[in-house]
Amino acid sequence: MKQSNNNYQRGFTLIELMVVVVIVGIVAAIVVPGWLRFLAGHRTTMARGKLRQGIQQAQAKSQQESISWQFSVRETSGKVEMAVHPSTLLPSLAGWEPLSPSIRLDGETNLATTGDVYYVQFDEKGNVRYRLGRATLSNERFPDIKRCVVVSTLVGATRIAKEQAVPENGKYCH
């Protein structure tokens, strides 16, 4: 019996590795932008949820304590912050809570304003004082992603919406 002495080397050639790297690169170039857009939309949706909760919290506090409460939102130093506080408290003294760093207040926001603070104020019965409006958020990286909370009735009913292809009264979030 002869014993065969074959020296086979196992592994991949450089060309095979390069083909795999190119394929992975192409797949990543296709998938990553969509994934980043999805994440941006998710972050914007989560921030919108916080805004709506804040508005509802201010309304509930006004009814519970029979005094006027306010929901405030502002953008300072590239960060959007929100606060829920009695309307007698100056917004500058309120406890501001930051939203996600990539979130921006969009130009479609049309709540009542004082200086750089947008607000919704509720009377002691939970009804909206002054005016109705919307707080619209967009994403820094994808400004066409818009999410909004609309205070739509004088009794403080809110609804949520997102960007639409066709504007209504010049607003894409309706």
N, C-alpha and C. Protein backbone atom coordinates (compact mmCIF):
# COMPACT_ATOMS: atom_id res chain seq x y z
N MET A 1 0.83 -1.17 0.00
CA MET A 1 0.00 0.00 0.00
C MET A 1 0.86 1.22 0.00
N LYS A 2 0.45 2.03 -0.89
CA LYS A 2 1.14 3.32 -0.96
C LYS A 2 0.34 4.37 -0.22
N GLN A 3 1.04 5.14 0.47
CA GLN A 3 0.39 6.22 1.18
C GLN A 3 0.55 7.49 0.36
N SER A 4 -0.58 8.15 0.09
CA SER A 4 -0.48 9.36 -0.72
C SER A 4 -0.12 10.53 0.16
N ASN A 5 0.71 11.34 -0.33
CA ASN A 5 1.23 12.48 0.42
C ASN A 5 0.80 13.77 -0.28
N ASN A 6 -0.51 14.04 -0.26
CA ASN A 6 -1.02 15.26 -0.90
C ASN A 6 -0.99 16.41 0.10
N ASN A 7 -0.42 17.48 -0.30
CA ASN A 7 -0.37 18.68 0.55
C ASN A 7 -1.42 19.69 0.07
N TYR A 8 -2.65 19.48 0.52
CA TYR A 8 -3.71 20.44 0.18
C TYR A 8 -3.73 21.54 1.24
N GLN A 9 -3.83 22.76 0.78
CA GLN A 9 -3.95 23.88 1.71
C GLN A 9 -5.41 24.31 1.75
N ARG A 10 -5.87 24.51 2.94
CA ARG A 10 -7.26 24.91 3.11
C ARG A 10 -7.33 26.42 3.34
N GLY A 11 -8.47 27.02 2.93
CA GLY A 11 -8.66 28.45 3.10
C GLY A 11 -9.25 29.08 1.87
N PHE A 12 -9.26 30.39 1.85
CA PHE A 12 -9.84 31.13 0.74
C PHE A 12 -8.75 31.89 0.01
N THR A 13 -8.98 32.08 -1.26
CA THR A 13 -8.03 32.87 -2.03
C THR A 13 -8.35 34.34 -1.83
N LEU A 14 -7.44 35.17 -2.19
CA LEU A 14 -7.63 36.62 -2.08
C LEU A 14 -8.80 37.08 -2.94
N ILE A 15 -8.96 36.51 -4.10
CA ILE A 15 -10.06 36.87 -4.99
C ILE A 15 -11.40 36.52 -4.36
N GLU A 16 -11.51 35.35 -3.75
CA GLU A 16 -12.75 34.95 -3.09
C GLU A 16 -13.10 35.92 -1.95
N LEU A 17 -12.11 36.30 -1.18
CA LEU A 17 -12.35 37.25 -0.09
C LEU A 17 -12.78 38.61 -0.62
N MET A 18 -12.17 39.05 -1.69
CA MET A 18 -12.53 40.35 -2.28
C MET A 18 -13.96 40.33 -2.81
N VAL A 19 -14.37 39.24 -3.41
CA VAL A 19 -15.75 39.12 -3.91
C VAL A 19 -16.73 39.21 -2.74
N VAL A 20 -16.46 38.55 -1.65
CA VAL A 20 -17.32 38.61 -0.47
C VAL A 20 -17.38 40.03 0.09
N VAL A 21 -16.24 40.70 0.17
CA VAL A 21 -16.21 42.08 0.68
C VAL A 21 -17.03 43.00 -0.22
N VAL A 22 -16.91 42.86 -1.51
CA VAL A 22 -17.68 43.69 -2.44
C VAL A 22 -19.17 43.43 -2.29
N ILE A 23 -19.56 42.17 -2.18
CA ILE A 23 -20.99 41.84 -2.02
C ILE A 23 -21.53 42.42 -0.72
N VAL A 24 -20.79 42.28 0.37
CA VAL A 24 -21.22 42.84 1.65
C VAL A 24 -21.32 44.36 1.55
N GLY A 25 -20.39 45.00 0.88
CA GLY A 25 -20.42 46.46 0.69
C GLY A 25 -21.64 46.90 -0.09
N ILE A 26 -21.99 46.19 -1.12
CA ILE A 26 -23.16 46.54 -1.93
C ILE A 26 -24.44 46.38 -1.11
N VAL A 27 -24.55 45.28 -0.39
CA VAL A 27 -25.73 45.05 0.45
C VAL A 27 -25.83 46.14 1.52
N ALA A 28 -24.72 46.49 2.13
CA ALA A 28 -24.73 47.55 3.16
C ALA A 28 -25.13 48.89 2.56
N ALA A 29 -24.64 49.19 1.37
CA ALA A 29 -24.99 50.47 0.72
C ALA A 29 -26.47 50.56 0.42
N ILE A 30 -27.10 49.43 0.20
CA ILE A 30 -28.54 49.41 -0.08
C ILE A 30 -29.35 49.45 1.22
N VAL A 31 -28.94 48.72 2.23
CA VAL A 31 -29.72 48.55 3.45
C VAL A 31 -29.53 49.68 4.46
N VAL A 32 -28.32 50.15 4.65
CA VAL A 32 -28.02 51.10 5.73
C VAL A 32 -28.82 52.40 5.63
N PRO A 33 -28.93 53.06 4.47
CA PRO A 33 -29.72 54.31 4.44
C PRO A 33 -31.18 54.10 4.86
N GLY A 34 -31.77 53.00 4.42
CA GLY A 34 -33.15 52.71 4.82
C GLY A 34 -33.27 52.47 6.31
N TRP A 35 -32.29 51.78 6.86
CA TRP A 35 -32.30 51.51 8.30
C TRP A 35 -32.13 52.80 9.10
N LEU A 36 -31.23 53.68 8.65
CA LEU A 36 -31.04 54.96 9.34
C LEU A 36 -32.31 55.81 9.27
N ARG A 37 -32.99 55.79 8.14
CA ARG A 37 -34.24 56.53 7.99
C ARG A 37 -35.31 55.96 8.93
N PHE A 38 -35.37 54.64 9.01
CA PHE A 38 -36.31 53.99 9.91
C PHE A 38 -36.05 54.41 11.36
N LEU A 39 -34.79 54.37 11.77
CA LEU A 39 -34.44 54.78 13.15
C LEU A 39 -34.79 56.24 13.40
N ALA A 40 -34.53 57.11 12.43
CA ALA A 40 -34.86 58.53 12.58
C ALA A 40 -36.37 58.71 12.74
N GLY A 41 -37.14 57.99 11.94
CA GLY A 41 -38.60 58.07 12.07
C GLY A 41 -39.07 57.57 13.42
N HIS A 42 -38.45 56.49 13.90
CA HIS A 42 -38.82 55.94 15.20
C HIS A 42 -38.51 56.95 16.32
N ARG A 43 -37.34 57.55 16.28
CA ARG A 43 -36.98 58.55 17.31
C ARG A 43 -37.94 59.73 17.29
N THR A 44 -38.30 60.16 16.09
CA THR A 44 -39.22 61.30 15.97
C THR A 44 -40.60 60.91 16.50
N THR A 45 -41.04 59.70 16.22
CA THR A 45 -42.33 59.23 16.73
C THR A 45 -42.31 59.14 18.25
N MET A 46 -41.21 58.66 18.82
CA MET A 46 -41.10 58.57 20.28
C MET A 46 -41.14 59.96 20.92
N ALA A 47 -40.46 60.93 20.31
CA ALA A 47 -40.47 62.30 20.83
C ALA A 47 -41.87 62.89 20.75
N ARG A 48 -42.58 62.60 19.66
CA ARG A 48 -43.96 63.08 19.53
C ARG A 48 -44.82 62.50 20.66
N GLY A 49 -44.60 61.23 21.00
CA GLY A 49 -45.34 60.61 22.10
C GLY A 49 -45.10 61.33 23.42
N LYS A 50 -43.85 61.74 23.65
CA LYS A 50 -43.54 62.50 24.87
C LYS A 50 -44.25 63.85 24.88
N LEU A 51 -44.29 64.51 23.71
CA LEU A 51 -44.99 65.79 23.65
C LEU A 51 -46.47 65.62 23.98
N ARG A 52 -47.08 64.62 23.38
CA ARG A 52 -48.51 64.39 23.63
C ARG A 52 -48.76 64.08 25.10
N GLN A 53 -47.92 63.26 25.69
CA GLN A 53 -48.06 62.95 27.13
C GLN A 53 -47.93 64.22 27.96
N GLY A 54 -46.99 65.09 27.60
CA GLY A 54 -46.82 66.34 28.33
C GLY A 54 -48.03 67.23 28.24
N ILE A 55 -48.61 67.33 27.06
CA ILE A 55 -49.83 68.15 26.88
C ILE A 55 -50.96 67.56 27.71
N GLN A 56 -51.13 66.25 27.66
CA GLN A 56 -52.20 65.61 28.43
C GLN A 56 -51.96 65.73 29.93
N GLN A 57 -50.70 65.68 30.33
CA GLN A 57 -50.37 65.83 31.75
C GLN A 57 -50.72 67.24 32.24
N ALA A 58 -50.41 68.25 31.44
CA ALA A 58 -50.74 69.63 31.84
C ALA A 58 -52.25 69.79 31.96
N GLN A 59 -53.00 69.20 31.04
CA GLN A 59 -54.45 69.29 31.10
C GLN A 59 -54.99 68.59 32.35
N ALA A 60 -54.48 67.40 32.63
CA ALA A 60 -54.93 66.65 33.80
C ALA A 60 -54.60 67.39 35.10
N LYS A 61 -53.40 67.96 35.18
CA LYS A 61 -53.00 68.71 36.39
C LYS A 61 -53.93 69.90 36.62
N SER A 62 -54.29 70.58 35.52
CA SER A 62 -55.17 71.75 35.67
C SER A 62 -56.53 71.34 36.23
N GLN A 63 -57.03 70.19 35.81
CA GLN A 63 -58.31 69.70 36.32
C GLN A 63 -58.20 69.21 37.76
N GLN A 64 -57.11 68.52 38.08
CA GLN A 64 -56.94 67.97 39.42
C GLN A 64 -56.75 69.08 40.46
N GLU A 65 -55.96 70.09 40.11
CA GLU A 65 -55.60 71.11 41.08
C GLU A 65 -56.43 72.38 40.95
N SER A 66 -57.32 72.43 39.97
CA SER A 66 -58.20 73.59 39.72
C SER A 66 -57.42 74.89 39.58
N ILE A 67 -56.26 74.80 38.93
CA ILE A 67 -55.49 76.00 38.58
C ILE A 67 -54.99 75.83 37.14
N SER A 68 -54.57 76.91 36.57
CA SER A 68 -54.10 76.89 35.19
C SER A 68 -52.70 76.26 35.10
N TRP A 69 -52.55 75.29 34.18
CA TRP A 69 -51.27 74.65 33.93
C TRP A 69 -50.88 74.86 32.48
N GLN A 70 -49.61 74.69 32.23
CA GLN A 70 -49.09 74.95 30.90
C GLN A 70 -48.11 73.87 30.46
N PHE A 71 -48.18 73.52 29.18
CA PHE A 71 -47.18 72.69 28.54
C PHE A 71 -46.34 73.62 27.68
N SER A 72 -45.03 73.56 27.85
CA SER A 72 -44.11 74.42 27.10
C SER A 72 -43.10 73.58 26.35
N VAL A 73 -42.70 74.05 25.18
CA VAL A 73 -41.67 73.39 24.39
C VAL A 73 -40.81 74.47 23.76
N ARG A 74 -39.50 74.22 23.70
CA ARG A 74 -38.58 75.20 23.12
C ARG A 74 -37.39 74.47 22.50
N GLU A 75 -36.68 75.20 21.67
CA GLU A 75 -35.44 74.67 21.11
C GLU A 75 -34.34 75.66 21.47
N THR A 76 -33.38 75.18 22.26
CA THR A 76 -32.25 76.01 22.65
C THR A 76 -30.96 75.24 22.40
N SER A 77 -30.00 75.92 21.84
CA SER A 77 -28.69 75.32 21.54
C SER A 77 -28.83 74.01 20.75
N GLY A 78 -29.76 73.99 19.82
CA GLY A 78 -29.93 72.81 18.98
C GLY A 78 -30.60 71.63 19.67
N LYS A 79 -31.19 71.85 20.86
CA LYS A 79 -31.89 70.78 21.58
C LYS A 79 -33.33 71.19 21.84
N VAL A 80 -34.25 70.26 21.64
CA VAL A 80 -35.66 70.50 21.95
C VAL A 80 -35.91 70.03 23.37
N GLU A 81 -36.57 70.90 24.15
CA GLU A 81 -36.89 70.59 25.55
C GLU A 81 -38.36 70.86 25.79
N MET A 82 -38.93 70.14 26.75
CA MET A 82 -40.33 70.35 27.11
C MET A 82 -40.46 70.46 28.63
N ALA A 83 -41.54 71.12 29.05
CA ALA A 83 -41.80 71.27 30.48
C ALA A 83 -43.30 71.35 30.71
N VAL A 84 -43.74 70.82 31.84
CA VAL A 84 -45.12 70.92 32.30
C VAL A 84 -45.06 71.65 33.63
N HIS A 85 -45.80 72.76 33.74
CA HIS A 85 -45.69 73.59 34.94
C HIS A 85 -46.93 74.44 35.11
N PRO A 86 -47.16 74.94 36.34
CA PRO A 86 -48.26 75.88 36.53
C PRO A 86 -48.04 77.11 35.65
N SER A 87 -49.11 77.67 35.12
CA SER A 87 -48.94 78.80 34.20
C SER A 87 -48.43 80.05 34.93
N THR A 88 -48.53 80.07 36.24
CA THR A 88 -48.01 81.21 37.00
C THR A 88 -46.49 81.17 37.13
N LEU A 89 -45.90 80.00 36.88
CA LEU A 89 -44.45 79.84 36.96
C LEU A 89 -43.83 80.27 35.63
N LEU A 90 -42.81 81.10 35.71
CA LEU A 90 -42.12 81.50 34.49
C LEU A 90 -41.51 80.27 33.82
N PRO A 91 -41.64 80.16 32.50
CA PRO A 91 -41.07 78.99 31.82
C PRO A 91 -39.57 78.82 32.08
N SER A 92 -38.86 79.90 32.26
CA SER A 92 -37.41 79.79 32.51
C SER A 92 -37.11 79.07 33.82
N LEU A 93 -38.08 79.04 34.74
CA LEU A 93 -37.89 78.37 36.03
C LEU A 93 -38.43 76.95 36.05
N ALA A 94 -39.07 76.53 34.95
CA ALA A 94 -39.65 75.19 34.88
C ALA A 94 -38.56 74.14 34.75
N GLY A 95 -38.89 72.92 35.10
CA GLY A 95 -37.96 71.80 34.95
C GLY A 95 -38.03 71.28 33.52
N TRP A 96 -37.05 71.62 32.72
CA TRP A 96 -37.05 71.27 31.30
C TRP A 96 -36.49 69.87 31.09
N GLU A 97 -37.19 69.10 30.27
CA GLU A 97 -36.77 67.73 29.94
C GLU A 97 -36.35 67.68 28.47
N PRO A 98 -35.11 67.28 28.19
CA PRO A 98 -34.68 67.24 26.79
C PRO A 98 -35.27 66.04 26.04
N LEU A 99 -35.51 66.25 24.76
CA LEU A 99 -35.91 65.15 23.88
C LEU A 99 -34.66 64.60 23.21
N SER A 100 -34.82 63.67 22.30
CA SER A 100 -33.70 63.07 21.60
C SER A 100 -32.85 64.14 20.92
N PRO A 101 -31.52 64.02 20.94
CA PRO A 101 -30.65 65.06 20.38
C PRO A 101 -30.85 65.33 18.88
N SER A 102 -31.37 64.38 18.12
CA SER A 102 -31.54 64.59 16.68
C SER A 102 -32.88 65.22 16.32
N ILE A 103 -33.70 65.53 17.31
CA ILE A 103 -35.04 66.09 17.07
C ILE A 103 -34.97 67.61 17.01
N ARG A 104 -35.75 68.19 16.09
CA ARG A 104 -35.83 69.65 15.93
C ARG A 104 -37.29 70.07 15.92
N LEU A 105 -37.56 71.29 16.38
CA LEU A 105 -38.89 71.87 16.24
C LEU A 105 -39.01 72.35 14.81
N ASP A 106 -40.04 71.92 14.13
CA ASP A 106 -40.23 72.27 12.73
C ASP A 106 -40.94 73.61 12.60
N GLY A 107 -40.75 74.25 11.47
CA GLY A 107 -41.38 75.54 11.20
C GLY A 107 -42.90 75.48 11.13
N GLU A 108 -43.47 74.28 11.06
CA GLU A 108 -44.92 74.15 11.04
C GLU A 108 -45.53 74.29 12.44
N THR A 109 -44.71 74.36 13.47
CA THR A 109 -45.22 74.54 14.83
C THR A 109 -45.90 75.89 14.92
N ASN A 110 -47.14 75.89 15.41
CA ASN A 110 -47.89 77.15 15.49
C ASN A 110 -48.67 77.30 16.80
N LEU A 111 -48.12 76.77 17.87
CA LEU A 111 -48.72 77.00 19.18
C LEU A 111 -48.51 78.46 19.57
N ALA A 112 -49.17 78.89 20.62
CA ALA A 112 -48.95 80.25 21.14
C ALA A 112 -47.48 80.37 21.55
N THR A 113 -46.93 81.56 21.46
CA THR A 113 -45.51 81.75 21.80
C THR A 113 -45.32 82.92 22.75
N THR A 114 -44.29 82.78 23.54
CA THR A 114 -43.75 83.86 24.35
C THR A 114 -42.24 83.75 24.23
N GLY A 115 -41.64 84.69 23.53
CA GLY A 115 -40.20 84.60 23.29
C GLY A 115 -39.90 83.38 22.45
N ASP A 116 -39.02 82.52 22.94
CA ASP A 116 -38.65 81.31 22.20
C ASP A 116 -39.40 80.08 22.70
N VAL A 117 -40.43 80.27 23.51
CA VAL A 117 -41.19 79.17 24.10
C VAL A 117 -42.56 79.07 23.43
N TYR A 118 -42.86 77.89 22.91
CA TYR A 118 -44.20 77.59 22.41
C TYR A 118 -44.97 76.94 23.56
N TYR A 119 -46.26 77.23 23.67
CA TYR A 119 -46.99 76.66 24.80
C TYR A 119 -48.46 76.43 24.49
N VAL A 120 -49.04 75.54 25.31
CA VAL A 120 -50.48 75.32 25.37
C VAL A 120 -50.84 75.49 26.83
N GLN A 121 -51.81 76.34 27.07
CA GLN A 121 -52.20 76.61 28.45
C GLN A 121 -53.63 76.13 28.67
N PHE A 122 -53.87 75.52 29.84
CA PHE A 122 -55.19 75.00 30.19
C PHE A 122 -55.71 75.73 31.41
N ASP A 123 -57.00 76.08 31.40
CA ASP A 123 -57.60 76.73 32.56
C ASP A 123 -57.90 75.70 33.64
N GLU A 124 -58.49 76.13 34.74
CA GLU A 124 -58.72 75.24 35.88
C GLU A 124 -59.68 74.09 35.57
N LYS A 125 -60.40 74.16 34.46
CA LYS A 125 -61.30 73.07 34.07
C LYS A 125 -60.68 72.17 32.99
N GLY A 126 -59.47 72.48 32.56
CA GLY A 126 -58.81 71.67 31.54
C GLY A 126 -59.10 72.11 30.12
N ASN A 127 -59.72 73.28 29.96
CA ASN A 127 -60.00 73.80 28.62
C ASN A 127 -58.82 74.63 28.13
N VAL A 128 -58.61 74.64 26.83
CA VAL A 128 -57.50 75.39 26.24
C VAL A 128 -57.76 76.89 26.37
N ARG A 129 -56.74 77.59 26.81
CA ARG A 129 -56.77 79.05 26.84
C ARG A 129 -56.05 79.57 25.60
N TYR A 130 -56.47 80.69 25.10
CA TYR A 130 -55.82 81.42 24.00
C TYR A 130 -56.05 80.80 22.65
N ARG A 131 -55.27 79.79 22.25
CA ARG A 131 -55.40 79.31 20.88
C ARG A 131 -55.04 77.83 20.75
N LEU A 132 -55.59 77.25 19.70
CA LEU A 132 -55.28 75.87 19.34
C LEU A 132 -54.03 75.90 18.46
N GLY A 133 -53.47 74.75 18.21
CA GLY A 133 -52.30 74.71 17.33
C GLY A 133 -51.66 73.34 17.30
N ARG A 134 -50.46 73.31 16.76
CA ARG A 134 -49.73 72.06 16.61
C ARG A 134 -48.27 72.26 16.98
N ALA A 135 -47.68 71.20 17.50
CA ALA A 135 -46.24 71.14 17.71
C ALA A 135 -45.72 70.11 16.73
N THR A 136 -44.88 70.54 15.80
CA THR A 136 -44.36 69.64 14.77
C THR A 136 -42.87 69.42 14.99
N LEU A 137 -42.48 68.17 15.00
CA LEU A 137 -41.09 67.79 15.16
C LEU A 137 -40.57 67.24 13.85
N SER A 138 -39.29 67.46 13.59
CA SER A 138 -38.64 66.84 12.45
C SER A 138 -37.30 66.30 12.91
N ASN A 139 -36.66 65.56 12.04
CA ASN A 139 -35.38 64.95 12.38
C ASN A 139 -34.27 65.75 11.72
N GLU A 140 -33.20 65.96 12.45
CA GLU A 140 -32.07 66.74 11.96
C GLU A 140 -31.51 66.18 10.66
N ARG A 141 -31.36 64.88 10.58
CA ARG A 141 -30.75 64.25 9.42
C ARG A 141 -31.73 64.06 8.26
N PHE A 142 -33.01 63.86 8.59
CA PHE A 142 -34.06 63.65 7.59
C PHE A 142 -35.18 64.66 7.85
N PRO A 143 -35.01 65.91 7.42
CA PRO A 143 -36.01 66.94 7.74
C PRO A 143 -37.39 66.71 7.12
N ASP A 144 -37.49 65.82 6.15
CA ASP A 144 -38.79 65.53 5.58
C ASP A 144 -39.62 64.60 6.46
N ILE A 145 -39.00 63.98 7.46
CA ILE A 145 -39.75 63.18 8.43
C ILE A 145 -40.34 64.16 9.44
N LYS A 146 -41.67 64.20 9.50
CA LYS A 146 -42.35 65.12 10.41
C LYS A 146 -43.38 64.35 11.22
N ARG A 147 -43.45 64.67 12.49
CA ARG A 147 -44.46 64.10 13.38
C ARG A 147 -45.03 65.26 14.18
N CYS A 148 -46.36 65.29 14.34
CA CYS A 148 -46.94 66.41 15.07
C CYS A 148 -48.03 65.96 16.03
N VAL A 149 -48.23 66.83 17.03
CA VAL A 149 -49.34 66.71 17.96
C VAL A 149 -50.19 67.93 17.73
N VAL A 150 -51.47 67.71 17.45
CA VAL A 150 -52.39 68.81 17.17
C VAL A 150 -53.36 68.93 18.33
N VAL A 151 -53.43 70.11 18.93
CA VAL A 151 -54.45 70.41 19.93
C VAL A 151 -55.62 70.95 19.11
N SER A 152 -56.65 70.13 18.95
CA SER A 152 -57.64 70.42 17.92
C SER A 152 -58.99 70.95 18.41
N THR A 153 -59.25 70.92 19.71
CA THR A 153 -60.51 71.47 20.20
C THR A 153 -60.27 72.29 21.46
N LEU A 154 -61.23 73.14 21.77
CA LEU A 154 -61.10 73.98 22.97
C LEU A 154 -61.14 73.18 24.26
N VAL A 155 -61.68 71.98 24.22
CA VAL A 155 -61.69 71.15 25.42
C VAL A 155 -60.38 70.38 25.56
N GLY A 156 -59.42 70.64 24.68
CA GLY A 156 -58.08 70.08 24.81
C GLY A 156 -57.85 68.74 24.16
N ALA A 157 -58.73 68.32 23.25
CA ALA A 157 -58.52 67.05 22.56
C ALA A 157 -57.27 67.16 21.69
N THR A 158 -56.46 66.11 21.72
CA THR A 158 -55.25 66.09 20.90
C THR A 158 -55.33 64.93 19.93
N ARG A 159 -54.63 65.08 18.83
CA ARG A 159 -54.48 63.99 17.89
C ARG A 159 -53.06 64.04 17.36
N ILE A 160 -52.62 62.90 16.84
CA ILE A 160 -51.27 62.84 16.31
C ILE A 160 -51.34 62.68 14.80
N ALA A 161 -50.29 63.10 14.12
CA ALA A 161 -50.23 62.98 12.66
C ALA A 161 -48.78 62.89 12.24
N LYS A 162 -48.58 62.60 10.95
CA LYS A 162 -47.24 62.56 10.40
C LYS A 162 -47.25 63.19 9.02
N GLU A 163 -46.08 63.32 8.43
CA GLU A 163 -45.95 63.99 7.14
C GLU A 163 -46.84 63.37 6.08
N GLN A 164 -47.39 64.21 5.24
CA GLN A 164 -48.22 63.79 4.12
C GLN A 164 -47.58 64.28 2.83
N ALA A 165 -47.89 63.65 1.73
CA ALA A 165 -47.32 64.04 0.44
C ALA A 165 -47.89 65.37 -0.06
N VAL A 166 -49.14 65.64 0.29
CA VAL A 166 -49.81 66.85 -0.19
C VAL A 166 -50.07 67.76 1.02
N PRO A 167 -49.65 69.02 0.95
CA PRO A 167 -49.88 69.92 2.10
C PRO A 167 -51.35 70.32 2.24
N GLU A 168 -51.71 70.65 3.45
CA GLU A 168 -53.04 71.20 3.75
C GLU A 168 -52.80 72.52 4.45
N ASN A 169 -53.26 73.60 3.85
CA ASN A 169 -53.01 74.96 4.36
C ASN A 169 -51.52 75.21 4.54
N GLY A 170 -50.72 74.68 3.63
CA GLY A 170 -49.27 74.90 3.66
C GLY A 170 -48.52 74.02 4.65
N LYS A 171 -49.23 73.14 5.34
CA LYS A 171 -48.61 72.27 6.34
C LYS A 171 -48.60 70.83 5.84
N TYR A 172 -47.43 70.17 5.99
CA TYR A 172 -47.33 68.78 5.55
C TYR A 172 -47.70 67.80 6.64
N CYS A 173 -47.64 68.22 7.89
CA CYS A 173 -48.04 67.35 9.00
C CYS A 173 -49.45 67.74 9.39
N HIS A 174 -50.41 66.93 8.98
CA HIS A 174 -51.82 67.23 9.29
C HIS A 174 -52.60 65.96 9.47
